[in-house]
């Protein structure tokens, strides 16, 4: 958003939101696969990739009518923090660690500022929608990821 880079980002939607005619996997089996993979420690996005590539399931939402994250929450396997926020926190912590030993690295200081800005905007969104009651503090980010 605040960089000079351009490009196509984001996921591409399927041409149709209907379940394909060749799709034979029942809903119960899809739910079972999702919970099985979550118990192995996989994230929601990783589960989606595994279901697509290894099991031939193009869209969980088309089959079940709900997302992988919603299925995980229903089965008590959801995380306290959304996955996109955790990924940004991991990036910020690694940049903070780098900056502690490389104080004059101006490019990565800027990258840290942009990342922290994204974290603040995203956490404000989650507070507004009621999914999260948390404010970003750089000192606490590393502690949060350890737990």
Protein backbone atom coordinates (compact mmCIF):
# COMPACT_ATOMS: atom_id res chain seq x y z
CA UNK A 1 0.00 0.00 0.00
CA UNK A 2 2.72 2.48 0.91
CA UNK A 3 5.44 1.17 -1.37
CA UNK A 4 6.13 1.96 -4.99
CA UNK A 5 5.63 -1.65 -6.04
CA UNK A 6 2.70 -2.78 -8.13
CA UNK A 7 1.38 -6.17 -9.03
CA UNK A 8 -1.39 -8.66 -8.84
CA UNK A 9 -1.83 -9.86 -5.32
CA UNK A 10 -4.52 -11.90 -3.67
CA UNK A 11 -6.12 -15.18 -4.50
CA UNK A 12 -7.94 -15.88 -7.72
CA UNK A 13 -11.54 -16.97 -7.41
CA UNK A 14 -12.88 -20.00 -9.21
CA UNK A 15 -14.95 -19.32 -12.33
CA UNK A 16 -17.96 -20.87 -10.62
CA UNK A 17 -18.94 -21.08 -6.95
CA UNK A 18 -20.91 -24.29 -7.55
CA UNK A 19 -19.64 -27.73 -6.62
CA UNK A 20 -18.10 -29.32 -9.75
CA UNK A 21 -19.96 -32.28 -11.23
CA UNK A 22 -16.87 -34.50 -10.95
CA UNK A 23 -16.56 -33.81 -7.21
CA UNK A 24 -17.45 -37.03 -5.35
CA UNK A 25 -16.08 -36.31 -1.84
CA UNK A 26 -18.87 -36.16 0.77
CA UNK A 27 -19.14 -33.20 3.17
CA UNK A 28 -18.37 -35.34 6.24
CA UNK A 29 -15.12 -36.55 4.72
CA UNK A 30 -14.02 -32.99 3.90
CA UNK A 31 -14.72 -31.89 7.49
CA UNK A 32 -12.85 -34.93 8.79
CA UNK A 33 -9.83 -34.14 6.58
CA UNK A 34 -9.79 -30.52 7.79
CA UNK A 35 -9.85 -31.50 11.48
CA UNK A 36 -7.24 -34.21 10.89
CA UNK A 37 -4.83 -31.77 9.25
CA UNK A 38 -5.47 -29.13 11.93
CA UNK A 39 -4.58 -31.63 14.65
CA UNK A 40 -1.27 -32.17 12.84
CA UNK A 41 -0.55 -28.45 13.35
CA UNK A 42 -1.34 -27.16 9.86
CA UNK A 43 -2.68 -23.63 9.36
CA UNK A 44 -5.93 -22.89 7.50
CA UNK A 45 -4.15 -21.78 4.32
CA UNK A 46 -1.90 -24.85 4.35
CA UNK A 47 -4.93 -27.08 4.81
CA UNK A 48 -6.57 -25.46 1.78
CA UNK A 49 -3.49 -26.07 -0.36
CA UNK A 50 -3.25 -29.71 0.77
CA UNK A 51 -6.94 -30.32 0.07
CA UNK A 52 -6.59 -28.77 -3.38
CA UNK A 53 -3.35 -30.48 -4.41
CA UNK A 54 -3.55 -33.90 -2.76
CA UNK A 55 -7.28 -34.56 -2.44
CA UNK A 56 -8.70 -32.73 -5.48
CA UNK A 57 -11.02 -30.48 -3.48
CA UNK A 58 -11.09 -27.15 -5.34
CA UNK A 59 -13.16 -25.11 -2.86
CA UNK A 60 -14.16 -26.03 0.67
CA UNK A 61 -16.57 -23.10 0.78
CA UNK A 62 -18.43 -24.37 -2.29
CA UNK A 63 -18.84 -27.82 -0.74
CA UNK A 64 -19.54 -27.00 2.91
CA UNK A 65 -20.90 -23.47 2.61
CA UNK A 66 -18.33 -22.22 5.13
CA UNK A 67 -14.61 -21.53 5.19
CA UNK A 68 -11.87 -23.70 6.64
CA UNK A 69 -11.44 -21.24 9.53
CA UNK A 70 -15.13 -21.54 10.39
CA UNK A 71 -14.90 -25.34 10.38
CA UNK A 72 -11.87 -25.17 12.69
CA UNK A 73 -13.67 -22.82 15.10
CA UNK A 74 -16.73 -25.09 15.20
CA UNK A 75 -14.53 -28.04 16.13
CA UNK A 76 -12.56 -26.09 18.75
CA UNK A 77 -9.35 -26.07 16.72
CA UNK A 78 -9.27 -22.37 15.80
CA UNK A 79 -6.54 -19.99 16.90
CA UNK A 80 -6.97 -16.97 19.13
CA UNK A 81 -5.39 -14.72 16.48
CA UNK A 82 -6.17 -14.76 12.74
CA UNK A 83 -3.53 -16.32 10.52
CA UNK A 84 -2.82 -13.19 8.46
CA UNK A 85 -2.10 -11.20 11.62
CA UNK A 86 0.20 -13.93 12.97
CA UNK A 87 2.17 -13.95 9.70
CA UNK A 88 2.67 -10.19 9.92
CA UNK A 89 3.72 -10.50 13.57
CA UNK A 90 6.32 -13.13 12.64
CA UNK A 91 7.72 -10.82 9.97
CA UNK A 92 7.84 -7.88 12.40
CA UNK A 93 9.62 -9.93 15.08
CA UNK A 94 12.25 -11.15 12.60
CA UNK A 95 12.80 -7.57 11.37
CA UNK A 96 13.10 -6.33 14.96
CA UNK A 97 15.70 -9.00 15.65
CA UNK A 98 17.61 -7.98 12.52
CA UNK A 99 17.42 -4.30 13.45
CA UNK A 100 18.81 -4.95 16.93
CA UNK A 101 22.08 -6.16 15.41
CA UNK A 102 22.05 -3.91 12.30
CA UNK A 103 21.09 -0.47 13.56
CA UNK A 104 22.01 1.42 10.36
CA UNK A 105 20.03 -0.75 7.97
CA UNK A 106 17.63 1.92 6.74
CA UNK A 107 15.86 -0.22 4.15
CA UNK A 108 14.83 -2.80 6.70
CA UNK A 109 13.88 -0.08 9.18
CA UNK A 110 11.42 1.16 6.55
CA UNK A 111 10.19 -2.41 5.98
CA UNK A 112 9.61 -2.75 9.73
CA UNK A 113 7.65 0.51 9.80
CA UNK A 114 5.45 -0.66 6.90
CA UNK A 115 4.89 -4.06 8.52
CA UNK A 116 3.97 -2.52 11.86
CA UNK A 117 1.60 -0.16 10.07
CA UNK A 118 -0.12 -3.13 8.41
CA UNK A 119 -0.38 -4.86 11.80
CA UNK A 120 -2.01 -1.80 13.35
CA UNK A 121 -4.50 -1.43 10.49
CA UNK A 122 -5.38 -5.12 10.53
CA UNK A 123 -5.76 -5.27 14.32
CA UNK A 124 -7.99 -2.16 14.16
CA UNK A 125 -10.15 -3.96 11.61
CA UNK A 126 -10.42 -7.05 13.82
CA UNK A 127 -11.28 -4.88 16.84
CA UNK A 128 -13.96 -3.09 14.80
CA UNK A 129 -15.53 -6.38 13.67
CA UNK A 130 -15.35 -7.84 17.17
CA UNK A 131 -13.03 -10.74 16.32
CA UNK A 132 -10.16 -9.53 18.48
CA UNK A 133 -9.60 -7.34 21.51
CA UNK A 134 -5.87 -6.66 21.25
CA UNK A 135 -3.53 -3.76 20.50
CA UNK A 136 -0.10 -4.14 18.92
CA UNK A 137 2.91 -3.47 21.11
CA UNK A 138 6.30 -4.30 19.56
CA UNK A 139 7.74 -5.51 22.88
CA UNK A 140 4.95 -8.03 23.37
CA UNK A 141 4.90 -9.40 19.81
CA UNK A 142 7.79 -11.84 20.37
CA UNK A 143 6.24 -13.08 23.61
CA UNK A 144 2.92 -13.60 21.84
CA UNK A 145 4.48 -15.77 19.14
CA UNK A 146 6.29 -17.98 21.66
CA UNK A 147 3.07 -18.99 23.37
